[in-house]
Amino acid sequence: MLKTKSLLSVLAIAAFSGAALAQSDDTAPADTATSETAAPADGETPETTENAAQDPAADLDTGQPESGGVGQGYVRETFGDWQLQCVRQEDTESEPCQLYQLLRGAEDNPVAEVIIEKLPEGGNVAAGATILVPFGTALAKDLRIAVDGSQGKVYRYAFCNSNACYARIGLLPADIAAFKAGNTANVTIFAYERLDEPVELTLSLSGFTAGFETLQPVTPPQ
């Protein structure tokens, strides 16, 4: 295996010590160093050339903070265990946003993702949720969600693409009320190779109420 860290250390030492190594080379004739002076490059003065030689970091680009442009996603705010993810627009009030949470397994490995969007008021469904699960999930076994040990609901998977498989869920006003009042929701999926061993994931509801109230309803396509 290539020891990248060691290799980078060697390269860094070589790059930053080049000037010092050259200056400490005692094989060069003494009168050569004193009698010959290199002409500075165009735009340089003897002073800047001397400073660059003394400071090996003088010509390094330390970078600038990246400015997020219109159309780029970013995390606007965090509510408990939920992120408010938005797409940047010229007007902050018009930015489309969603609540997001990453679900981890027993070994703290990322397993699933939950995305929630608020729907326009007046309909039977209060919010739409998209749950992303990994390949190898048994799609014939419905996804199950239960809040604080209450009777759960099961949902079908909708489709898969090159990234994951998706369940698209409609959350009723009663479901949203349960999320707001609850502490955790248990999300159950099944691995295709272990149908008798459910994978239990914990969806934290900490911060859900504040985050959901911050959401603006999604705008229907024109």
N, C-alpha and C. Protein backbone atom coordinates (compact mmCIF):
# COMPACT_ATOMS: atom_id res chain seq x y z
N MET A 1 0.84 -1.20 0.00
CA MET A 1 0.00 0.00 0.00
C MET A 1 0.88 1.24 0.00
N LEU A 2 0.54 2.21 -0.80
CA LEU A 2 1.29 3.45 -0.87
C LEU A 2 1.06 4.26 0.40
N LYS A 3 2.12 4.62 1.05
CA LYS A 3 2.02 5.44 2.26
C LYS A 3 1.98 6.90 1.87
N THR A 4 0.79 7.38 1.56
CA THR A 4 0.63 8.72 1.02
C THR A 4 1.13 9.78 1.99
N LYS A 5 0.82 9.61 3.26
CA LYS A 5 1.21 10.62 4.22
C LYS A 5 2.72 10.77 4.26
N SER A 6 3.45 9.64 4.28
CA SER A 6 4.91 9.70 4.31
C SER A 6 5.44 10.33 3.05
N LEU A 7 4.86 9.98 1.89
CA LEU A 7 5.31 10.53 0.62
C LEU A 7 5.10 12.03 0.60
N LEU A 8 3.94 12.50 1.05
CA LEU A 8 3.68 13.93 1.07
C LEU A 8 4.64 14.65 2.01
N SER A 9 4.98 14.00 3.13
CA SER A 9 5.93 14.62 4.04
C SER A 9 7.27 14.80 3.38
N VAL A 10 7.70 13.78 2.64
CA VAL A 10 8.98 13.86 1.94
C VAL A 10 8.95 14.97 0.91
N LEU A 11 7.85 15.05 0.14
CA LEU A 11 7.75 16.09 -0.88
C LEU A 11 7.72 17.47 -0.25
N ALA A 12 7.02 17.61 0.87
CA ALA A 12 6.96 18.91 1.53
C ALA A 12 8.33 19.33 2.03
N ILE A 13 9.06 18.38 2.63
CA ILE A 13 10.40 18.70 3.11
C ILE A 13 11.29 19.12 1.96
N ALA A 14 11.18 18.39 0.84
CA ALA A 14 12.02 18.71 -0.31
C ALA A 14 11.68 20.08 -0.87
N ALA A 15 10.38 20.41 -0.93
CA ALA A 15 9.97 21.68 -1.52
C ALA A 15 10.38 22.86 -0.66
N PHE A 16 10.14 22.74 0.65
CA PHE A 16 10.39 23.88 1.53
C PHE A 16 11.84 23.99 1.96
N SER A 17 12.65 22.94 1.75
CA SER A 17 14.05 22.98 2.17
C SER A 17 14.99 23.19 1.01
N GLY A 18 14.45 23.35 -0.20
CA GLY A 18 15.31 23.46 -1.37
C GLY A 18 16.29 24.61 -1.26
N ALA A 19 15.79 25.77 -0.86
CA ALA A 19 16.66 26.93 -0.78
C ALA A 19 17.73 26.73 0.27
N ALA A 20 17.35 26.16 1.41
CA ALA A 20 18.31 25.96 2.48
C ALA A 20 19.38 24.96 2.08
N LEU A 21 18.94 23.87 1.38
CA LEU A 21 19.91 22.89 0.94
C LEU A 21 20.88 23.49 -0.05
N ALA A 22 20.37 24.33 -0.94
CA ALA A 22 21.24 24.95 -1.93
C ALA A 22 22.24 25.88 -1.26
N GLN A 23 21.78 26.59 -0.24
CA GLN A 23 22.66 27.54 0.43
C GLN A 23 23.71 26.83 1.27
N SER A 24 23.43 25.61 1.74
CA SER A 24 24.37 24.92 2.60
C SER A 24 25.31 24.02 1.82
N ASP A 25 25.21 24.01 0.50
CA ASP A 25 26.08 23.17 -0.33
C ASP A 25 27.47 23.76 -0.32
N ASP A 26 28.43 23.08 0.36
CA ASP A 26 29.78 23.63 0.47
C ASP A 26 30.67 23.20 -0.67
N THR A 27 30.11 22.55 -1.71
CA THR A 27 30.93 22.15 -2.85
C THR A 27 31.10 23.29 -3.83
N ALA A 28 30.29 24.34 -3.76
CA ALA A 28 30.42 25.46 -4.69
C ALA A 28 31.60 26.32 -4.27
N PRO A 29 32.39 26.85 -5.25
CA PRO A 29 33.51 27.72 -4.91
C PRO A 29 33.02 28.94 -4.18
N ALA A 30 33.82 29.38 -3.18
CA ALA A 30 33.42 30.52 -2.36
C ALA A 30 33.34 31.79 -3.17
N ASP A 31 34.28 31.98 -4.13
CA ASP A 31 34.28 33.23 -4.87
C ASP A 31 33.15 33.31 -5.87
N THR A 32 32.54 32.17 -6.24
CA THR A 32 31.43 32.19 -7.19
C THR A 32 30.22 32.87 -6.57
N ALA A 33 29.92 32.53 -5.32
CA ALA A 33 28.75 33.10 -4.66
C ALA A 33 28.90 34.59 -4.44
N THR A 34 30.15 35.08 -4.26
CA THR A 34 30.32 36.49 -3.98
C THR A 34 30.51 37.33 -5.21
N SER A 35 30.98 36.71 -6.30
CA SER A 35 31.30 37.50 -7.47
C SER A 35 30.19 37.54 -8.49
N GLU A 36 29.27 36.57 -8.42
CA GLU A 36 28.20 36.50 -9.42
C GLU A 36 26.87 36.77 -8.73
N THR A 37 26.11 37.69 -9.30
CA THR A 37 24.78 38.01 -8.77
C THR A 37 23.76 37.87 -9.88
N ALA A 38 22.72 37.05 -9.65
CA ALA A 38 21.70 36.84 -10.67
C ALA A 38 20.85 38.09 -10.80
N ALA A 39 20.50 38.43 -12.04
CA ALA A 39 19.65 39.60 -12.28
C ALA A 39 18.22 39.26 -11.90
N PRO A 40 17.53 40.17 -11.24
CA PRO A 40 16.13 39.90 -10.88
C PRO A 40 15.25 39.81 -12.11
N ALA A 41 14.19 39.01 -12.03
CA ALA A 41 13.26 38.87 -13.14
C ALA A 41 12.48 40.16 -13.31
N ASP A 42 11.80 40.27 -14.49
CA ASP A 42 11.00 41.47 -14.76
C ASP A 42 9.96 41.66 -13.67
N GLY A 43 9.83 42.89 -13.19
CA GLY A 43 8.83 43.19 -12.17
C GLY A 43 9.30 42.93 -10.76
N GLU A 44 10.48 42.35 -10.60
CA GLU A 44 10.98 42.07 -9.27
C GLU A 44 12.07 43.06 -8.91
N THR A 45 12.19 43.36 -7.67
CA THR A 45 13.28 44.18 -7.17
C THR A 45 14.21 43.28 -6.38
N PRO A 46 15.43 43.69 -6.17
CA PRO A 46 16.33 42.87 -5.36
C PRO A 46 15.74 42.56 -3.99
N GLU A 47 14.94 43.51 -3.45
CA GLU A 47 14.37 43.31 -2.13
C GLU A 47 13.35 42.18 -2.13
N THR A 48 12.42 42.17 -3.16
CA THR A 48 11.40 41.13 -3.21
C THR A 48 12.03 39.78 -3.50
N THR A 49 13.06 39.75 -4.33
CA THR A 49 13.74 38.50 -4.62
C THR A 49 14.37 37.94 -3.36
N GLU A 50 14.98 38.81 -2.57
CA GLU A 50 15.62 38.37 -1.33
C GLU A 50 14.58 37.86 -0.34
N ASN A 51 13.41 38.55 -0.26
CA ASN A 51 12.36 38.11 0.65
C ASN A 51 11.82 36.75 0.26
N ALA A 52 11.65 36.51 -1.05
CA ALA A 52 11.14 35.22 -1.51
C ALA A 52 12.11 34.11 -1.18
N ALA A 53 13.41 34.40 -1.30
CA ALA A 53 14.41 33.38 -0.99
C ALA A 53 14.41 33.06 0.49
N GLN A 54 14.17 34.05 1.33
CA GLN A 54 14.18 33.84 2.76
C GLN A 54 12.89 33.19 3.26
N ASP A 55 11.77 33.45 2.60
CA ASP A 55 10.48 32.91 3.02
C ASP A 55 9.98 31.92 1.98
N PRO A 56 10.13 30.61 2.22
CA PRO A 56 9.72 29.62 1.22
C PRO A 56 8.23 29.60 0.97
N ALA A 57 7.44 30.25 1.82
CA ALA A 57 5.99 30.28 1.63
C ALA A 57 5.52 31.54 0.94
N ALA A 58 6.46 32.39 0.52
CA ALA A 58 6.07 33.69 -0.03
C ALA A 58 5.24 33.58 -1.29
N ASP A 59 5.48 32.56 -2.12
CA ASP A 59 4.77 32.46 -3.40
C ASP A 59 3.64 31.42 -3.36
N LEU A 60 3.23 31.01 -2.16
CA LEU A 60 2.15 30.02 -2.05
C LEU A 60 0.80 30.72 -2.01
N ASP A 61 -0.18 30.11 -2.71
CA ASP A 61 -1.55 30.63 -2.72
C ASP A 61 -2.30 30.04 -1.53
N THR A 62 -2.69 30.87 -0.60
CA THR A 62 -3.39 30.38 0.59
C THR A 62 -4.90 30.29 0.41
N GLY A 63 -5.41 30.66 -0.78
CA GLY A 63 -6.83 30.49 -1.07
C GLY A 63 -7.69 31.62 -0.55
N GLN A 64 -8.92 31.66 -1.08
CA GLN A 64 -9.91 32.66 -0.68
C GLN A 64 -11.21 31.94 -0.34
N PRO A 65 -12.01 32.46 0.58
CA PRO A 65 -13.29 31.83 0.87
C PRO A 65 -14.15 31.73 -0.39
N GLU A 66 -14.71 30.54 -0.59
CA GLU A 66 -15.57 30.33 -1.76
C GLU A 66 -16.90 31.05 -1.56
N SER A 67 -17.33 31.76 -2.57
CA SER A 67 -18.61 32.45 -2.51
C SER A 67 -19.66 31.60 -3.22
N GLY A 68 -20.68 31.17 -2.47
CA GLY A 68 -21.73 30.35 -3.06
C GLY A 68 -22.59 31.16 -4.01
N GLY A 69 -22.76 30.68 -5.22
CA GLY A 69 -23.54 31.39 -6.22
C GLY A 69 -24.97 30.92 -6.27
N VAL A 70 -25.76 31.61 -7.06
CA VAL A 70 -27.16 31.24 -7.24
C VAL A 70 -27.25 29.83 -7.81
N GLY A 71 -28.14 29.04 -7.25
CA GLY A 71 -28.33 27.67 -7.72
C GLY A 71 -27.53 26.64 -6.94
N GLN A 72 -26.67 27.08 -6.04
CA GLN A 72 -25.88 26.15 -5.24
C GLN A 72 -26.59 25.82 -3.94
N GLY A 73 -26.49 24.55 -3.53
CA GLY A 73 -27.10 24.13 -2.29
C GLY A 73 -26.22 24.48 -1.09
N TYR A 74 -26.86 24.74 0.04
CA TYR A 74 -26.11 25.03 1.26
C TYR A 74 -26.99 24.76 2.46
N VAL A 75 -26.38 24.62 3.62
CA VAL A 75 -27.12 24.44 4.87
C VAL A 75 -27.33 25.80 5.50
N ARG A 76 -28.58 26.25 5.53
CA ARG A 76 -28.87 27.57 6.06
C ARG A 76 -28.88 27.57 7.58
N GLU A 77 -29.42 26.51 8.17
CA GLU A 77 -29.58 26.49 9.62
C GLU A 77 -29.71 25.05 10.09
N THR A 78 -29.45 24.82 11.37
CA THR A 78 -29.60 23.50 11.97
C THR A 78 -30.61 23.59 13.11
N PHE A 79 -31.54 22.65 13.13
CA PHE A 79 -32.55 22.57 14.18
C PHE A 79 -32.42 21.20 14.84
N GLY A 80 -31.80 21.16 16.01
CA GLY A 80 -31.60 19.87 16.67
C GLY A 80 -30.79 18.95 15.77
N ASP A 81 -31.40 17.82 15.39
CA ASP A 81 -30.73 16.85 14.52
C ASP A 81 -31.12 17.00 13.05
N TRP A 82 -31.76 18.09 12.71
CA TRP A 82 -32.19 18.34 11.34
C TRP A 82 -31.42 19.51 10.74
N GLN A 83 -31.09 19.36 9.47
CA GLN A 83 -30.50 20.46 8.70
C GLN A 83 -31.56 21.09 7.82
N LEU A 84 -31.55 22.41 7.75
CA LEU A 84 -32.39 23.13 6.79
C LEU A 84 -31.52 23.38 5.56
N GLN A 85 -31.72 22.58 4.52
CA GLN A 85 -30.94 22.68 3.30
C GLN A 85 -31.71 23.51 2.27
N CYS A 86 -31.04 24.46 1.66
CA CYS A 86 -31.68 25.36 0.71
C CYS A 86 -30.84 25.47 -0.55
N VAL A 87 -31.49 25.96 -1.61
CA VAL A 87 -30.81 26.28 -2.87
C VAL A 87 -30.75 27.79 -2.97
N ARG A 88 -29.55 28.31 -3.08
CA ARG A 88 -29.34 29.75 -3.00
C ARG A 88 -30.01 30.48 -4.17
N GLN A 89 -30.71 31.57 -3.84
CA GLN A 89 -31.33 32.44 -4.83
C GLN A 89 -30.94 33.89 -4.52
N GLU A 90 -31.24 34.77 -5.46
CA GLU A 90 -30.96 36.19 -5.22
C GLU A 90 -31.72 36.70 -4.00
N ASP A 91 -32.96 36.22 -3.87
CA ASP A 91 -33.81 36.61 -2.75
C ASP A 91 -33.92 35.43 -1.78
N THR A 92 -33.42 35.59 -0.56
CA THR A 92 -33.42 34.49 0.41
C THR A 92 -34.83 33.97 0.66
N GLU A 93 -35.82 34.85 0.63
CA GLU A 93 -37.20 34.43 0.94
C GLU A 93 -37.75 33.46 -0.10
N SER A 94 -37.20 33.48 -1.31
CA SER A 94 -37.71 32.61 -2.37
C SER A 94 -36.91 31.32 -2.51
N GLU A 95 -35.96 31.10 -1.63
CA GLU A 95 -35.12 29.91 -1.75
C GLU A 95 -35.92 28.65 -1.41
N PRO A 96 -35.90 27.63 -2.26
CA PRO A 96 -36.53 26.36 -1.91
C PRO A 96 -35.69 25.64 -0.86
N CYS A 97 -36.36 25.15 0.18
CA CYS A 97 -35.64 24.52 1.29
C CYS A 97 -36.31 23.20 1.67
N GLN A 98 -35.56 22.36 2.36
CA GLN A 98 -36.06 21.08 2.83
C GLN A 98 -35.36 20.73 4.14
N LEU A 99 -36.01 19.89 4.94
CA LEU A 99 -35.37 19.36 6.14
C LEU A 99 -34.66 18.07 5.77
N TYR A 100 -33.49 17.86 6.36
CA TYR A 100 -32.66 16.71 6.01
C TYR A 100 -32.06 16.08 7.26
N GLN A 101 -32.04 14.75 7.27
CA GLN A 101 -31.35 14.03 8.35
C GLN A 101 -30.73 12.75 7.79
N LEU A 102 -29.50 12.49 8.19
CA LEU A 102 -28.80 11.26 7.83
C LEU A 102 -29.01 10.23 8.93
N LEU A 103 -29.44 9.03 8.55
CA LEU A 103 -29.67 7.96 9.52
C LEU A 103 -28.47 7.01 9.51
N ARG A 104 -27.99 6.68 10.68
CA ARG A 104 -26.81 5.82 10.82
C ARG A 104 -27.18 4.49 11.44
N GLY A 105 -26.38 3.47 11.11
CA GLY A 105 -26.62 2.14 11.63
C GLY A 105 -25.99 1.92 12.99
N ALA A 106 -25.99 0.65 13.42
CA ALA A 106 -25.50 0.31 14.75
C ALA A 106 -24.02 0.63 14.92
N GLU A 107 -23.26 0.59 13.84
CA GLU A 107 -21.83 0.88 13.90
C GLU A 107 -21.53 2.31 13.46
N ASP A 108 -22.52 3.17 13.52
CA ASP A 108 -22.40 4.59 13.17
C ASP A 108 -22.11 4.79 11.69
N ASN A 109 -22.42 3.80 10.88
CA ASN A 109 -22.22 3.93 9.44
C ASN A 109 -23.47 4.54 8.80
N PRO A 110 -23.31 5.44 7.82
CA PRO A 110 -24.48 6.03 7.17
C PRO A 110 -25.27 4.99 6.40
N VAL A 111 -26.58 4.94 6.62
CA VAL A 111 -27.43 3.92 5.99
C VAL A 111 -28.51 4.54 5.12
N ALA A 112 -29.22 5.53 5.63
CA ALA A 112 -30.35 6.09 4.89
C ALA A 112 -30.40 7.60 5.09
N GLU A 113 -31.18 8.26 4.23
CA GLU A 113 -31.35 9.71 4.30
C GLU A 113 -32.84 10.03 4.26
N VAL A 114 -33.22 11.04 5.01
CA VAL A 114 -34.62 11.47 5.06
C VAL A 114 -34.70 12.94 4.67
N ILE A 115 -35.57 13.23 3.72
CA ILE A 115 -35.79 14.60 3.24
C ILE A 115 -37.28 14.91 3.37
N ILE A 116 -37.61 16.04 3.96
CA ILE A 116 -39.01 16.43 4.15
C ILE A 116 -39.24 17.82 3.59
N GLU A 117 -40.32 17.95 2.80
CA GLU A 117 -40.73 19.23 2.22
C GLU A 117 -42.17 19.51 2.62
N LYS A 118 -42.45 20.75 2.93
CA LYS A 118 -43.81 21.15 3.29
C LYS A 118 -44.62 21.37 2.02
N LEU A 119 -45.86 20.88 2.01
CA LEU A 119 -46.76 21.05 0.87
C LEU A 119 -47.73 22.21 1.14
N PRO A 120 -48.32 22.76 0.09
CA PRO A 120 -49.26 23.87 0.28
C PRO A 120 -50.41 23.50 1.21
N GLU A 121 -50.85 24.45 1.99
CA GLU A 121 -51.94 24.21 2.93
C GLU A 121 -53.25 23.99 2.20
N GLY A 122 -54.16 23.30 2.86
CA GLY A 122 -55.48 23.07 2.29
C GLY A 122 -55.65 21.69 1.69
N GLY A 123 -54.55 20.97 1.49
CA GLY A 123 -54.66 19.63 0.94
C GLY A 123 -54.73 18.57 2.03
N ASN A 124 -54.94 17.33 1.61
CA ASN A 124 -55.02 16.23 2.58
C ASN A 124 -53.64 15.84 3.11
N VAL A 125 -52.61 16.13 2.34
CA VAL A 125 -51.24 15.75 2.71
C VAL A 125 -50.49 17.00 3.14
N ALA A 126 -49.89 16.96 4.32
CA ALA A 126 -49.21 18.14 4.87
C ALA A 126 -47.78 18.28 4.39
N ALA A 127 -47.13 17.14 4.11
CA ALA A 127 -45.72 17.19 3.72
C ALA A 127 -45.38 15.97 2.88
N GLY A 128 -44.36 16.13 2.08
CA GLY A 128 -43.83 15.01 1.31
C GLY A 128 -42.47 14.64 1.87
N ALA A 129 -42.24 13.34 2.04
CA ALA A 129 -40.95 12.86 2.53
C ALA A 129 -40.36 11.90 1.51
N THR A 130 -39.07 12.03 1.30
CA THR A 130 -38.33 11.11 0.45
C THR A 130 -37.29 10.42 1.32
N ILE A 131 -37.30 9.10 1.30
CA ILE A 131 -36.33 8.33 2.09
C ILE A 131 -35.45 7.54 1.12
N LEU A 132 -34.16 7.77 1.21
CA LEU A 132 -33.19 7.10 0.36
C LEU A 132 -32.57 5.94 1.12
N VAL A 133 -32.60 4.75 0.52
CA VAL A 133 -32.01 3.56 1.14
C VAL A 133 -30.99 2.97 0.19
N PRO A 134 -30.04 2.18 0.69
CA PRO A 134 -28.96 1.68 -0.16
C PRO A 134 -29.38 0.51 -1.02
N PHE A 135 -28.57 0.25 -2.06
CA PHE A 135 -28.75 -0.95 -2.85
C PHE A 135 -28.58 -2.16 -1.93
N GLY A 136 -29.31 -3.23 -2.23
CA GLY A 136 -29.30 -4.39 -1.36
C GLY A 136 -30.46 -4.41 -0.40
N THR A 137 -31.26 -3.32 -0.40
CA THR A 137 -32.48 -3.30 0.40
C THR A 137 -33.54 -4.16 -0.26
N ALA A 138 -34.25 -4.94 0.51
CA ALA A 138 -35.33 -5.78 -0.02
C ALA A 138 -36.53 -4.90 -0.31
N LEU A 139 -36.73 -4.59 -1.58
CA LEU A 139 -37.78 -3.65 -1.96
C LEU A 139 -39.18 -4.25 -1.82
N ALA A 140 -39.27 -5.58 -1.81
CA ALA A 140 -40.57 -6.21 -1.64
C ALA A 140 -41.08 -6.10 -0.20
N LYS A 141 -40.18 -5.83 0.72
CA LYS A 141 -40.56 -5.64 2.13
C LYS A 141 -40.70 -4.14 2.37
N ASP A 142 -41.91 -3.71 2.64
CA ASP A 142 -42.17 -2.28 2.76
C ASP A 142 -41.36 -1.63 3.88
N LEU A 143 -41.07 -0.35 3.68
CA LEU A 143 -40.42 0.46 4.71
C LEU A 143 -41.45 0.79 5.79
N ARG A 144 -41.01 0.76 7.03
CA ARG A 144 -41.92 0.99 8.16
C ARG A 144 -41.44 2.15 9.00
N ILE A 145 -42.38 3.00 9.45
CA ILE A 145 -42.06 4.12 10.34
C ILE A 145 -43.03 4.08 11.53
N ALA A 146 -42.48 4.16 12.74
CA ALA A 146 -43.30 4.20 13.96
C ALA A 146 -42.70 5.23 14.90
N VAL A 147 -43.54 6.10 15.43
CA VAL A 147 -43.09 7.17 16.33
C VAL A 147 -43.24 6.72 17.77
N ASP A 148 -42.12 6.76 18.51
CA ASP A 148 -42.11 6.45 19.94
C ASP A 148 -42.84 5.15 20.28
N GLY A 149 -42.64 4.13 19.46
CA GLY A 149 -43.21 2.83 19.76
C GLY A 149 -44.69 2.68 19.48
N SER A 150 -45.30 3.67 18.85
CA SER A 150 -46.73 3.58 18.52
C SER A 150 -46.93 2.67 17.31
N GLN A 151 -48.19 2.45 16.95
CA GLN A 151 -48.47 1.64 15.78
C GLN A 151 -47.87 2.33 14.55
N GLY A 152 -47.13 1.56 13.77
CA GLY A 152 -46.42 2.13 12.64
C GLY A 152 -47.23 2.13 11.36
N LYS A 153 -46.64 2.72 10.34
CA LYS A 153 -47.20 2.70 8.99
C LYS A 153 -46.14 2.11 8.06
N VAL A 154 -46.60 1.46 7.01
CA VAL A 154 -45.68 0.90 6.02
C VAL A 154 -45.86 1.65 4.70
N TYR A 155 -44.76 1.76 3.96
CA TYR A 155 -44.75 2.52 2.72
C TYR A 155 -44.00 1.74 1.65
N ARG A 156 -44.49 1.83 0.42
CA ARG A 156 -43.84 1.15 -0.70
C ARG A 156 -42.65 1.97 -1.20
N TYR A 157 -41.71 1.26 -1.80
CA TYR A 157 -40.61 1.94 -2.50
C TYR A 157 -41.08 2.34 -3.89
N ALA A 158 -40.58 3.46 -4.37
CA ALA A 158 -41.05 4.00 -5.65
C ALA A 158 -40.14 3.62 -6.81
N PHE A 159 -38.84 3.82 -6.66
CA PHE A 159 -37.92 3.55 -7.77
C PHE A 159 -36.49 3.54 -7.25
N CYS A 160 -35.58 3.14 -8.12
CA CYS A 160 -34.14 3.19 -7.84
C CYS A 160 -33.45 3.88 -9.00
N ASN A 161 -32.32 4.51 -8.71
CA ASN A 161 -31.46 5.03 -9.77
C ASN A 161 -30.02 4.64 -9.45
N SER A 162 -29.07 5.29 -10.07
CA SER A 162 -27.68 4.89 -9.87
C SER A 162 -27.15 5.26 -8.49
N ASN A 163 -27.91 6.03 -7.73
CA ASN A 163 -27.44 6.47 -6.41
C ASN A 163 -28.04 5.67 -5.26
N ALA A 164 -29.33 5.36 -5.34
CA ALA A 164 -30.01 4.73 -4.20
C ALA A 164 -31.39 4.28 -4.66
N CYS A 165 -32.16 3.72 -3.71
CA CYS A 165 -33.57 3.43 -3.93
C CYS A 165 -34.39 4.38 -3.05
N TYR A 166 -35.59 4.69 -3.53
CA TYR A 166 -36.35 5.79 -2.94
C TYR A 166 -37.76 5.35 -2.53
N ALA A 167 -38.17 5.81 -1.36
CA ALA A 167 -39.58 5.73 -0.96
C ALA A 167 -40.10 7.16 -0.91
N ARG A 168 -41.21 7.41 -1.59
CA ARG A 168 -41.80 8.75 -1.61
C ARG A 168 -43.08 8.69 -0.79
N ILE A 169 -43.11 9.44 0.28
CA ILE A 169 -44.12 9.29 1.32
C ILE A 169 -44.94 10.56 1.47
N GLY A 170 -46.24 10.41 1.62
CA GLY A 170 -47.10 11.53 1.95
C GLY A 170 -47.41 11.52 3.44
N LEU A 171 -47.06 12.59 4.13
CA LEU A 171 -47.30 12.69 5.56
C LEU A 171 -48.57 13.49 5.81
N LEU A 172 -49.53 12.87 6.47
CA LEU A 172 -50.80 13.53 6.78
C LEU A 172 -50.61 14.50 7.95
N PRO A 173 -51.55 15.42 8.15
CA PRO A 173 -51.45 16.32 9.31
C PRO A 173 -51.27 15.57 10.62
N ALA A 174 -51.91 14.42 10.77
CA ALA A 174 -51.75 13.63 11.99
C ALA A 174 -50.33 13.09 12.12
N ASP A 175 -49.72 12.75 10.99
CA ASP A 175 -48.33 12.28 11.03
C ASP A 175 -47.39 13.40 11.47
N ILE A 176 -47.60 14.59 10.92
CA ILE A 176 -46.77 15.74 11.30
C ILE A 176 -46.95 16.06 12.78
N ALA A 177 -48.18 15.97 13.27
CA ALA A 177 -48.44 16.22 14.69
C ALA A 177 -47.70 15.21 15.56
N ALA A 178 -47.67 13.95 15.12
CA ALA A 178 -46.95 12.92 15.87
C ALA A 178 -45.45 13.18 15.86
N PHE A 179 -44.93 13.63 14.72
CA PHE A 179 -43.51 13.97 14.64
C PHE A 179 -43.17 15.12 15.60
N LYS A 180 -44.05 16.12 15.65
CA LYS A 180 -43.79 17.27 16.51
C LYS A 180 -43.84 16.89 17.99
N ALA A 181 -44.72 15.97 18.34
CA ALA A 181 -44.88 15.57 19.74
C ALA A 181 -43.90 14.48 20.17
N GLY A 182 -43.30 13.80 19.20
CA GLY A 182 -42.48 12.65 19.53
C GLY A 182 -41.02 12.97 19.80
N ASN A 183 -40.32 11.94 20.25
CA ASN A 183 -38.88 12.04 20.50
C ASN A 183 -38.07 11.40 19.38
N THR A 184 -38.47 10.20 18.98
CA THR A 184 -37.78 9.50 17.90
C THR A 184 -38.80 8.72 17.08
N ALA A 185 -38.44 8.45 15.85
CA ALA A 185 -39.23 7.55 15.01
C ALA A 185 -38.33 6.39 14.63
N ASN A 186 -38.89 5.20 14.67
CA ASN A 186 -38.15 4.01 14.28
C ASN A 186 -38.41 3.72 12.81
N VAL A 187 -37.35 3.69 12.02
CA VAL A 187 -37.45 3.40 10.58
C VAL A 187 -36.89 2.00 10.35
N THR A 188 -37.70 1.13 9.78
CA THR A 188 -37.30 -0.27 9.59
C THR A 188 -37.20 -0.59 8.11
N ILE A 189 -36.05 -1.14 7.72
CA ILE A 189 -35.85 -1.65 6.37
C ILE A 189 -35.29 -3.06 6.48
N PHE A 190 -35.23 -3.77 5.36
CA PHE A 190 -34.72 -5.14 5.35
C PHE A 190 -33.65 -5.28 4.28
N ALA A 191 -32.58 -5.96 4.63
CA ALA A 191 -31.54 -6.27 3.65
C ALA A 191 -31.98 -7.48 2.84
N TYR A 192 -31.71 -7.46 1.54
CA TYR A 192 -32.16 -8.53 0.65
C TYR A 192 -31.62 -9.89 1.08
N GLU A 193 -30.40 -9.92 1.58
CA GLU A 193 -29.77 -11.19 1.94
C GLU A 193 -30.13 -11.65 3.35
N ARG A 194 -30.82 -10.81 4.12
CA ARG A 194 -31.19 -11.18 5.49
C ARG A 194 -32.62 -10.72 5.77
N LEU A 195 -33.54 -11.38 5.14
CA LEU A 195 -34.94 -10.97 5.25
C LEU A 195 -35.51 -11.18 6.64
N ASP A 196 -34.88 -12.04 7.42
CA ASP A 196 -35.39 -12.31 8.77
C ASP A 196 -34.76 -11.40 9.82
N GLU A 197 -33.89 -10.48 9.40
CA GLU A 197 -33.23 -9.58 10.35
C GLU A 197 -33.51 -8.13 9.95
N PRO A 198 -34.53 -7.52 10.52
CA PRO A 198 -34.83 -6.12 10.16
C PRO A 198 -33.70 -5.18 10.59
N VAL A 199 -33.48 -4.17 9.77
CA VAL A 199 -32.51 -3.13 10.09
C VAL A 199 -33.27 -1.97 10.72
N GLU A 200 -33.02 -1.73 11.99
CA GLU A 200 -33.74 -0.69 12.73
C GLU A 200 -32.90 0.59 12.77
N LEU A 201 -33.45 1.67 12.27
CA LEU A 201 -32.77 2.96 12.24
C LEU A 201 -33.56 3.97 13.07
N THR A 202 -32.85 4.85 13.73
CA THR A 202 -33.50 5.85 14.58
C THR A 202 -33.52 7.20 13.89
N LEU A 203 -34.72 7.73 13.68
CA LEU A 203 -34.90 9.07 13.15
C LEU A 203 -35.17 10.00 14.33
N SER A 204 -34.22 10.88 14.62
CA SER A 204 -34.42 11.81 15.74
C SER A 204 -35.44 12.88 15.35
N LEU A 205 -36.32 13.18 16.28
CA LEU A 205 -37.31 14.24 16.07
C LEU A 205 -36.95 15.51 16.82
N SER A 206 -35.74 15.54 17.38
CA SER A 206 -35.26 16.74 18.06
C SER A 206 -35.09 17.87 17.05
N GLY A 207 -35.78 18.96 17.28
CA GLY A 207 -35.70 20.11 16.39
C GLY A 207 -36.67 20.07 15.22
N PHE A 208 -37.46 18.99 15.13
CA PHE A 208 -38.35 18.88 13.97
C PHE A 208 -39.39 19.99 13.95
N THR A 209 -39.99 20.28 15.09
CA THR A 209 -41.06 21.28 15.12
C THR A 209 -40.56 22.63 14.62
N ALA A 210 -39.44 23.10 15.16
CA ALA A 210 -38.90 24.40 14.75
C ALA A 210 -38.48 24.39 13.29
N GLY A 211 -37.88 23.29 12.86
CA GLY A 211 -37.45 23.21 11.47
C GLY A 211 -38.62 23.19 10.51
N PHE A 212 -39.66 22.43 10.85
CA PHE A 212 -40.81 22.33 9.95
C PHE A 212 -41.54 23.66 9.85
N GLU A 213 -41.64 24.38 10.96
CA GLU A 213 -42.31 25.68 10.93
C GLU A 213 -41.53 26.69 10.09
N THR A 214 -40.24 26.48 9.94
CA THR A 214 -39.42 27.38 9.13
C THR A 214 -39.63 27.16 7.64
N LEU A 215 -40.01 25.93 7.26
CA LEU A 215 -40.18 25.61 5.85
C LEU A 215 -41.30 26.42 5.21
N GLN A 216 -41.07 26.82 3.96
CA GLN A 216 -42.11 27.40 3.14
C GLN A 216 -42.68 26.31 2.24
N PRO A 217 -43.98 26.31 1.97
CA PRO A 217 -44.55 25.29 1.08
C PRO A 217 -43.88 25.31 -0.29
N VAL A 218 -43.70 24.12 -0.84
CA VAL A 218 -43.10 24.04 -2.17
C VAL A 218 -44.04 24.68 -3.19
N THR A 219 -43.46 25.28 -4.19
CA THR A 219 -44.25 25.96 -5.22
C THR A 219 -44.55 24.98 -6.35
N PRO A 220 -45.82 24.78 -6.68
CA PRO A 220 -46.15 23.87 -7.79
C PRO A 220 -45.53 24.37 -9.09
N PRO A 221 -45.13 23.45 -9.98
CA PRO A 221 -44.57 23.86 -11.27
C PRO A 221 -45.58 24.67 -12.07
N GLN A 222 -45.10 25.69 -12.73
CA GLN A 222 -45.97 26.54 -13.55
C GLN A 222 -46.22 25.88 -14.91
